[in-house]
Amino acid sequence: MTNPKPFSHDELIEHASSAVRKVDRDGERGATNVNQTEVLAMAALLVCLGLQPYRSTNEQPAIPEVFIVRRPAQ
């Protein structure tokens, strides 16, 4: 695959949110309507949020703090 054209901040949010909107509105059918640009934008946004690629070895990256959900103390 060739290197995709870089996204501006606004393009990144626009394309990623368009994909999320399709899936949210249409469920599984919406997932089939997401285009390649939208997938690339979602992946780029996840990387910006700290998500790292899955590694098939036993050594897994630490989960970024932003993704850890803690239950309130009772």
PDB file of N, CA and C in Angstrom:
ATOM      1  N   MET A   1       0.838  -1.175   0.000  1.00  0.00           N
ATOM      2  CA  MET A   1       0.000   0.000   0.000  1.00  0.00           C
ATOM      3  C   MET A   1       0.877   1.229   0.000  1.00  0.00           C
ATOM      4  N   THR A   2       0.510   2.196  -0.800  1.00  0.00           N
ATOM      5  CA  THR A   2       1.264   3.441  -0.820  1.00  0.00           C
ATOM      6  C   THR A   2       0.919   4.261   0.414  1.00  0.00           C
ATOM      7  N   ASN A   3       1.761   5.207   0.723  1.00  0.00           N
ATOM      8  CA  ASN A   3       1.497   6.056   1.882  1.00  0.00           C
ATOM      9  C   ASN A   3       0.287   6.931   1.595  1.00  0.00           C
ATOM     10  N   PRO A   4      -0.721   6.888   2.457  1.00  0.00           N
ATOM     11  CA  PRO A   4      -1.896   7.728   2.225  1.00  0.00           C
ATOM     12  C   PRO A   4      -1.566   9.194   2.455  1.00  0.00           C
ATOM     13  N   LYS A   5      -2.351  10.069   1.822  1.00  0.00           N
ATOM     14  CA  LYS A   5      -2.197  11.501   2.019  1.00  0.00           C
ATOM     15  C   LYS A   5      -2.480  11.819   3.481  1.00  0.00           C
ATOM     16  N   PRO A   6      -1.631  12.626   4.122  1.00  0.00           N
ATOM     17  CA  PRO A   6      -1.874  12.959   5.533  1.00  0.00           C
ATOM     18  C   PRO A   6      -3.214  13.686   5.703  1.00  0.00           C
ATOM     19  N   PHE A   7      -3.860  13.444   6.827  1.00  0.00           N
ATOM     20  CA  PHE A   7      -5.110  14.117   7.148  1.00  0.00           C
ATOM     21  C   PHE A   7      -4.815  15.378   7.950  1.00  0.00           C
ATOM     22  N   SER A   8      -5.594  16.417   7.702  1.00  0.00           N
ATOM     23  CA  SER A   8      -5.572  17.552   8.619  1.00  0.00           C
ATOM     24  C   SER A   8      -6.379  17.131   9.849  1.00  0.00           C
ATOM     25  N   HIS A   9      -6.297  17.903  10.922  1.00  0.00           N
ATOM     26  CA  HIS A   9      -7.045  17.573  12.134  1.00  0.00           C
ATOM     27  C   HIS A   9      -8.533  17.495  11.829  1.00  0.00           C
ATOM     28  N   ASP A  10      -9.042  18.478  11.101  1.00  0.00           N
ATOM     29  CA  ASP A  10     -10.476  18.502  10.787  1.00  0.00           C
ATOM     30  C   ASP A  10     -10.885  17.323   9.911  1.00  0.00           C
ATOM     31  N   GLU A  11     -10.049  16.971   8.934  1.00  0.00           N
ATOM     32  CA  GLU A  11     -10.355  15.819   8.072  1.00  0.00           C
ATOM     33  C   GLU A  11     -10.368  14.525   8.869  1.00  0.00           C
ATOM     34  N   LEU A  12      -9.411  14.388   9.774  1.00  0.00           N
ATOM     35  CA  LEU A  12      -9.329  13.188  10.608  1.00  0.00           C
ATOM     36  C   LEU A  12     -10.624  13.007  11.403  1.00  0.00           C
ATOM     37  N   ILE A  13     -11.062  14.049  12.063  1.00  0.00           N
ATOM     38  CA  ILE A  13     -12.284  13.982  12.862  1.00  0.00           C
ATOM     39  C   ILE A  13     -13.501  13.758  11.964  1.00  0.00           C
ATOM     40  N   GLU A  14     -13.555  14.451  10.839  1.00  0.00           N
ATOM     41  CA  GLU A  14     -14.697  14.327   9.923  1.00  0.00           C
ATOM     42  C   GLU A  14     -14.843  12.903   9.389  1.00  0.00           C
ATOM     43  N   HIS A  15     -13.744  12.323   8.899  1.00  0.00           N
ATOM     44  CA  HIS A  15     -13.808  10.980   8.317  1.00  0.00           C
ATOM     45  C   HIS A  15     -14.064   9.913   9.390  1.00  0.00           C
ATOM     46  N   ALA A  16     -13.391  10.028  10.524  1.00  0.00           N
ATOM     47  CA  ALA A  16     -13.585   9.041  11.590  1.00  0.00           C
ATOM     48  C   ALA A  16     -15.010   9.105  12.139  1.00  0.00           C
ATOM     49  N   SER A  17     -15.526  10.313  12.327  1.00  0.00           N
ATOM     50  CA  SER A  17     -16.879  10.422  12.866  1.00  0.00           C
ATOM     51  C   SER A  17     -17.927   9.975  11.844  1.00  0.00           C
ATOM     52  N   SER A  18     -17.636  10.137  10.572  1.00  0.00           N
ATOM     53  CA  SER A  18     -18.547   9.644   9.535  1.00  0.00           C
ATOM     54  C   SER A  18     -18.668   8.122   9.612  1.00  0.00           C
ATOM     55  N   ALA A  19     -17.543   7.451   9.817  1.00  0.00           N
ATOM     56  CA  ALA A  19     -17.566   5.991   9.946  1.00  0.00           C
ATOM     57  C   ALA A  19     -18.335   5.554  11.187  1.00  0.00           C
ATOM     58  N   VAL A  20     -18.079   6.218  12.301  1.00  0.00           N
ATOM     59  CA  VAL A  20     -18.778   5.880  13.541  1.00  0.00           C
ATOM     60  C   VAL A  20     -20.275   6.119  13.385  1.00  0.00           C
ATOM     61  N   ARG A  21     -20.637   7.207  12.725  1.00  0.00           N
ATOM     62  CA  ARG A  21     -22.048   7.519  12.497  1.00  0.00           C
ATOM     63  C   ARG A  21     -22.735   6.419  11.678  1.00  0.00           C
ATOM     64  N   LYS A  22     -22.055   5.911  10.649  1.00  0.00           N
ATOM     65  CA  LYS A  22     -22.633   4.847   9.819  1.00  0.00           C
ATOM     66  C   LYS A  22     -22.884   3.586  10.639  1.00  0.00           C
ATOM     67  N   VAL A  23     -21.913   3.216  11.452  1.00  0.00           N
ATOM     68  CA  VAL A  23     -22.059   2.004  12.259  1.00  0.00           C
ATOM     69  C   VAL A  23     -23.107   2.212  13.349  1.00  0.00           C
ATOM     70  N   ASP A  24     -23.104   3.382  13.963  1.00  0.00           N
ATOM     71  CA  ASP A  24     -24.073   3.671  15.018  1.00  0.00           C
ATOM     72  C   ASP A  24     -25.502   3.680  14.475  1.00  0.00           C
ATOM     73  N   ARG A  25     -25.676   4.260  13.310  1.00  0.00           N
ATOM     74  CA  ARG A  25     -27.007   4.395  12.721  1.00  0.00           C
ATOM     75  C   ARG A  25     -27.515   3.075  12.142  1.00  0.00           C
ATOM     76  N   ASP A  26     -26.627   2.320  11.448  1.00  0.00           N
ATOM     77  CA  ASP A  26     -27.066   1.158  10.672  1.00  0.00           C
ATOM     78  C   ASP A  26     -26.538  -0.179  11.172  1.00  0.00           C
ATOM     79  N   GLY A  27     -25.802  -0.178  12.278  1.00  0.00           N
ATOM     80  CA  GLY A  27     -25.293  -1.435  12.828  1.00  0.00           C
ATOM     81  C   GLY A  27     -24.346  -2.147  11.876  1.00  0.00           C
ATOM     82  N   GLU A  28     -24.512  -3.473  11.771  1.00  0.00           N
ATOM     83  CA  GLU A  28     -23.615  -4.267  10.922  1.00  0.00           C
ATOM     84  C   GLU A  28     -23.665  -3.804   9.470  1.00  0.00           C
ATOM     85  N   ARG A  29     -24.835  -3.413   9.009  1.00  0.00           N
ATOM     86  CA  ARG A  29     -24.962  -2.921   7.634  1.00  0.00           C
ATOM     87  C   ARG A  29     -24.118  -1.657   7.455  1.00  0.00           C
ATOM     88  N   GLY A  30     -24.100  -0.811   8.449  1.00  0.00           N
ATOM     89  CA  GLY A  30     -23.302   0.406   8.380  1.00  0.00           C
ATOM     90  C   GLY A  30     -21.814   0.114   8.295  1.00  0.00           C
ATOM     91  N   ALA A  31     -21.392  -0.953   8.962  1.00  0.00           N
ATOM     92  CA  ALA A  31     -19.970  -1.323   8.914  1.00  0.00           C
ATOM     93  C   ALA A  31     -19.545  -1.687   7.503  1.00  0.00           C
ATOM     94  N   THR A  32     -20.459  -2.221   6.713  1.00  0.00           N
ATOM     95  CA  THR A  32     -20.112  -2.567   5.322  1.00  0.00           C
ATOM     96  C   THR A  32     -20.072  -1.338   4.430  1.00  0.00           C
ATOM     97  N   ASN A  33     -20.610  -0.218   4.906  1.00  0.00           N
ATOM     98  CA  ASN A  33     -20.623   1.015   4.115  1.00  0.00           C
ATOM     99  C   ASN A  33     -19.469   1.952   4.434  1.00  0.00           C
ATOM    100  N   VAL A  34     -18.634   1.598   5.402  1.00  0.00           N
ATOM    101  CA  VAL A  34     -17.487   2.434   5.761  1.00  0.00           C
ATOM    102  C   VAL A  34     -16.428   2.294   4.660  1.00  0.00           C
ATOM    103  N   ASN A  35     -15.935   3.429   4.165  1.00  0.00           N
ATOM    104  CA  ASN A  35     -14.944   3.360   3.085  1.00  0.00           C
ATOM    105  C   ASN A  35     -13.511   3.352   3.630  1.00  0.00           C
ATOM    106  N   GLN A  36     -12.554   3.152   2.741  1.00  0.00           N
ATOM    107  CA  GLN A  36     -11.157   3.007   3.146  1.00  0.00           C
ATOM    108  C   GLN A  36     -10.623   4.266   3.828  1.00  0.00           C
ATOM    109  N   THR A  37     -10.999   5.424   3.348  1.00  0.00           N
ATOM    110  CA  THR A  37     -10.545   6.678   3.955  1.00  0.00           C
ATOM    111  C   THR A  37     -11.036   6.783   5.391  1.00  0.00           C
ATOM    112  N   GLU A  38     -12.277   6.372   5.620  1.00  0.00           N
ATOM    113  CA  GLU A  38     -12.841   6.428   6.966  1.00  0.00           C
ATOM    114  C   GLU A  38     -12.146   5.430   7.897  1.00  0.00           C
ATOM    115  N   VAL A  39     -11.820   4.252   7.389  1.00  0.00           N
ATOM    116  CA  VAL A  39     -11.099   3.264   8.195  1.00  0.00           C
ATOM    117  C   VAL A  39      -9.717   3.792   8.568  1.00  0.00           C
ATOM    118  N   LEU A  40      -9.019   4.378   7.606  1.00  0.00           N
ATOM    119  CA  LEU A  40      -7.698   4.944   7.887  1.00  0.00           C
ATOM    120  C   LEU A  40      -7.789   6.057   8.927  1.00  0.00           C
ATOM    121  N   ALA A  41      -8.819   6.889   8.827  1.00  0.00           N
ATOM    122  CA  ALA A  41      -8.986   7.979   9.792  1.00  0.00           C
ATOM    123  C   ALA A  41      -9.277   7.422  11.185  1.00  0.00           C
ATOM    124  N   MET A  42     -10.122   6.390  11.275  1.00  0.00           N
ATOM    125  CA  MET A  42     -10.406   5.794  12.586  1.00  0.00           C
ATOM    126  C   MET A  42      -9.139   5.197  13.189  1.00  0.00           C
ATOM    127  N   ALA A  43      -8.356   4.490  12.365  1.00  0.00           N
ATOM    128  CA  ALA A  43      -7.116   3.889  12.864  1.00  0.00           C
ATOM    129  C   ALA A  43      -6.144   4.975  13.330  1.00  0.00           C
ATOM    130  N   ALA A  44      -6.025   6.034  12.553  1.00  0.00           N
ATOM    131  CA  ALA A  44      -5.124   7.132  12.934  1.00  0.00           C
ATOM    132  C   ALA A  44      -5.585   7.787  14.230  1.00  0.00           C
ATOM    133  N   LEU A  45      -6.881   7.958  14.376  1.00  0.00           N
ATOM    134  CA  LEU A  45      -7.412   8.563  15.600  1.00  0.00           C
ATOM    135  C   LEU A  45      -7.149   7.670  16.813  1.00  0.00           C
ATOM    136  N   LEU A  46      -7.290   6.366  16.654  1.00  0.00           N
ATOM    137  CA  LEU A  46      -7.001   5.444  17.759  1.00  0.00           C
ATOM    138  C   LEU A  46      -5.532   5.513  18.162  1.00  0.00           C
ATOM    139  N   VAL A  47      -4.650   5.635  17.168  1.00  0.00           N
ATOM    140  CA  VAL A  47      -3.220   5.781  17.478  1.00  0.00           C
ATOM    141  C   VAL A  47      -2.982   7.090  18.227  1.00  0.00           C
ATOM    142  N   CYS A  48      -3.653   8.164  17.801  1.00  0.00           N
ATOM    143  CA  CYS A  48      -3.522   9.452  18.494  1.00  0.00           C
ATOM    144  C   CYS A  48      -3.977   9.356  19.946  1.00  0.00           C
ATOM    145  N   LEU A  49      -4.944   8.475  20.213  1.00  0.00           N
ATOM    146  CA  LEU A  49      -5.447   8.287  21.574  1.00  0.00           C
ATOM    147  C   LEU A  49      -4.572   7.345  22.395  1.00  0.00           C
ATOM    148  N   GLY A  50      -3.525   6.784  21.771  1.00  0.00           N
ATOM    149  CA  GLY A  50      -2.580   5.964  22.510  1.00  0.00           C
ATOM    150  C   GLY A  50      -2.693   4.470  22.290  1.00  0.00           C
ATOM    151  N   LEU A  51      -3.625   4.024  21.462  1.00  0.00           N
ATOM    152  CA  LEU A  51      -3.759   2.595  21.202  1.00  0.00           C
ATOM    153  C   LEU A  51      -2.569   2.107  20.387  1.00  0.00           C
ATOM    154  N   GLN A  52      -2.019   0.983  20.778  1.00  0.00           N
ATOM    155  CA  GLN A  52      -0.878   0.424  20.065  1.00  0.00           C
ATOM    156  C   GLN A  52      -1.305  -0.829  19.327  1.00  0.00           C
ATOM    157  N   PRO A  53      -0.605  -1.166  18.228  1.00  0.00           N
ATOM    158  CA  PRO A  53      -0.962  -2.381  17.482  1.00  0.00           C
ATOM    159  C   PRO A  53      -0.829  -3.621  18.350  1.00  0.00           C
ATOM    160  N   TYR A  54      -1.712  -4.577  18.127  1.00  0.00           N
ATOM    161  CA  TYR A  54      -1.662  -5.852  18.838  1.00  0.00           C
ATOM    162  C   TYR A  54      -0.411  -6.601  18.408  1.00  0.00           C
ATOM    163  N   ARG A  55       0.263  -7.192  19.376  1.00  0.00           N
ATOM    164  CA  ARG A  55       1.440  -8.000  19.074  1.00  0.00           C
ATOM    165  C   ARG A  55       1.096  -9.448  19.377  1.00  0.00           C
ATOM    166  N   SER A  56       1.471 -10.337  18.489  1.00  0.00           N
ATOM    167  CA  SER A  56       1.097 -11.737  18.659  1.00  0.00           C
ATOM    168  C   SER A  56       2.030 -12.478  19.619  1.00  0.00           C
ATOM    169  N   THR A  57       3.015 -11.802  20.163  1.00  0.00           N
ATOM    170  CA  THR A  57       3.908 -12.435  21.124  1.00  0.00           C
ATOM    171  C   THR A  57       3.292 -12.357  22.517  1.00  0.00           C
ATOM    172  N   ASN A  58       3.938 -12.948  23.480  1.00  0.00           N
ATOM    173  CA  ASN A  58       3.452 -12.893  24.856  1.00  0.00           C
ATOM    174  C   ASN A  58       3.637 -11.513  25.475  1.00  0.00           C
ATOM    175  N   GLU A  59       4.498 -10.715  24.882  1.00  0.00           N
ATOM    176  CA  GLU A  59       4.764  -9.384  25.419  1.00  0.00           C
ATOM    177  C   GLU A  59       3.735  -8.406  24.845  1.00  0.00           C
ATOM    178  N   GLN A  60       2.809  -7.976  25.664  1.00  0.00           N
ATOM    179  CA  GLN A  60       1.767  -7.050  25.242  1.00  0.00           C
ATOM    180  C   GLN A  60       2.070  -5.661  25.796  1.00  0.00           C
ATOM    181  N   PRO A  61       1.722  -4.625  25.033  1.00  0.00           N
ATOM    182  CA  PRO A  61       1.950  -3.270  25.538  1.00  0.00           C
ATOM    183  C   PRO A  61       1.013  -2.963  26.701  1.00  0.00           C
ATOM    184  N   ALA A  62       1.428  -2.048  27.533  1.00  0.00           N
ATOM    185  CA  ALA A  62       0.577  -1.621  28.641  1.00  0.00           C
ATOM    186  C   ALA A  62      -0.632  -0.881  28.082  1.00  0.00           C
ATOM    187  N   ILE A  63      -1.754  -1.007  28.750  1.00  0.00           N
ATOM    188  CA  ILE A  63      -2.963  -0.313  28.314  1.00  0.00           C
ATOM    189  C   ILE A  63      -2.844   1.143  28.749  1.00  0.00           C
ATOM    190  N   PRO A  64      -2.988   2.089  27.797  1.00  0.00           N
ATOM    191  CA  PRO A  64      -2.907   3.505  28.184  1.00  0.00           C
ATOM    192  C   PRO A  64      -3.953   3.833  29.249  1.00  0.00           C
ATOM    193  N   GLU A  65      -3.599   4.688  30.176  1.00  0.00           N
ATOM    194  CA  GLU A  65      -4.463   5.044  31.303  1.00  0.00           C
ATOM    195  C   GLU A  65      -5.845   5.519  30.851  1.00  0.00           C
ATOM    196  N   VAL A  66      -5.907   6.177  29.710  1.00  0.00           N
ATOM    197  CA  VAL A  66      -7.178   6.722  29.237  1.00  0.00           C
ATOM    198  C   VAL A  66      -8.200   5.621  28.939  1.00  0.00           C
ATOM    199  N   PHE A  67      -7.740   4.382  28.677  1.00  0.00           N
ATOM    200  CA  PHE A  67      -8.644   3.295  28.339  1.00  0.00           C
ATOM    201  C   PHE A  67      -9.020   2.428  29.540  1.00  0.00           C
ATOM    202  N   ILE A  68      -8.463   2.723  30.706  1.00  0.00           N
ATOM    203  CA  ILE A  68      -8.735   1.910  31.884  1.00  0.00           C
ATOM    204  C   ILE A  68      -9.972   2.458  32.607  1.00  0.00           C
ATOM    205  N   VAL A  69     -10.954   1.612  32.757  1.00  0.00           N
ATOM    206  CA  VAL A  69     -12.188   2.015  33.438  1.00  0.00           C
ATOM    207  C   VAL A  69     -12.148   1.451  34.846  1.00  0.00           C
ATOM    208  N   ARG A  70     -12.287   2.326  35.805  1.00  0.00           N
ATOM    209  CA  ARG A  70     -12.264   1.889  37.203  1.00  0.00           C
ATOM    210  C   ARG A  70     -13.664   2.038  37.791  1.00  0.00           C
ATOM    211  N   ARG A  71     -14.045   1.075  38.580  1.00  0.00           N
ATOM    212  CA  ARG A  71     -15.342   1.158  39.273  1.00  0.00           C
ATOM    213  C   ARG A  71     -15.174   2.037  40.495  1.00  0.00           C
ATOM    214  N   PRO A  72     -16.162   2.870  40.777  1.00  0.00           N
ATOM    215  CA  PRO A  72     -16.060   3.724  41.978  1.00  0.00           C
ATOM    216  C   PRO A  72     -16.091   2.870  43.242  1.00  0.00           C
ATOM    217  N   ALA A  73     -15.380   3.337  44.253  1.00  0.00           N
ATOM    218  CA  ALA A  73     -15.368   2.628  45.542  1.00  0.00           C
ATOM    219  C   ALA A  73     -16.761   2.653  46.141  1.00  0.00           C
ATOM    220  N   GLN A  74     -17.149   1.542  46.749  1.00  0.00           N
ATOM    221  CA  GLN A  74     -18.493   1.453  47.322  1.00  0.00           C
ATOM    222  C   GLN A  74     -18.468   1.629  48.811  1.00  0.00           C
TER     223      GLN A  74
END
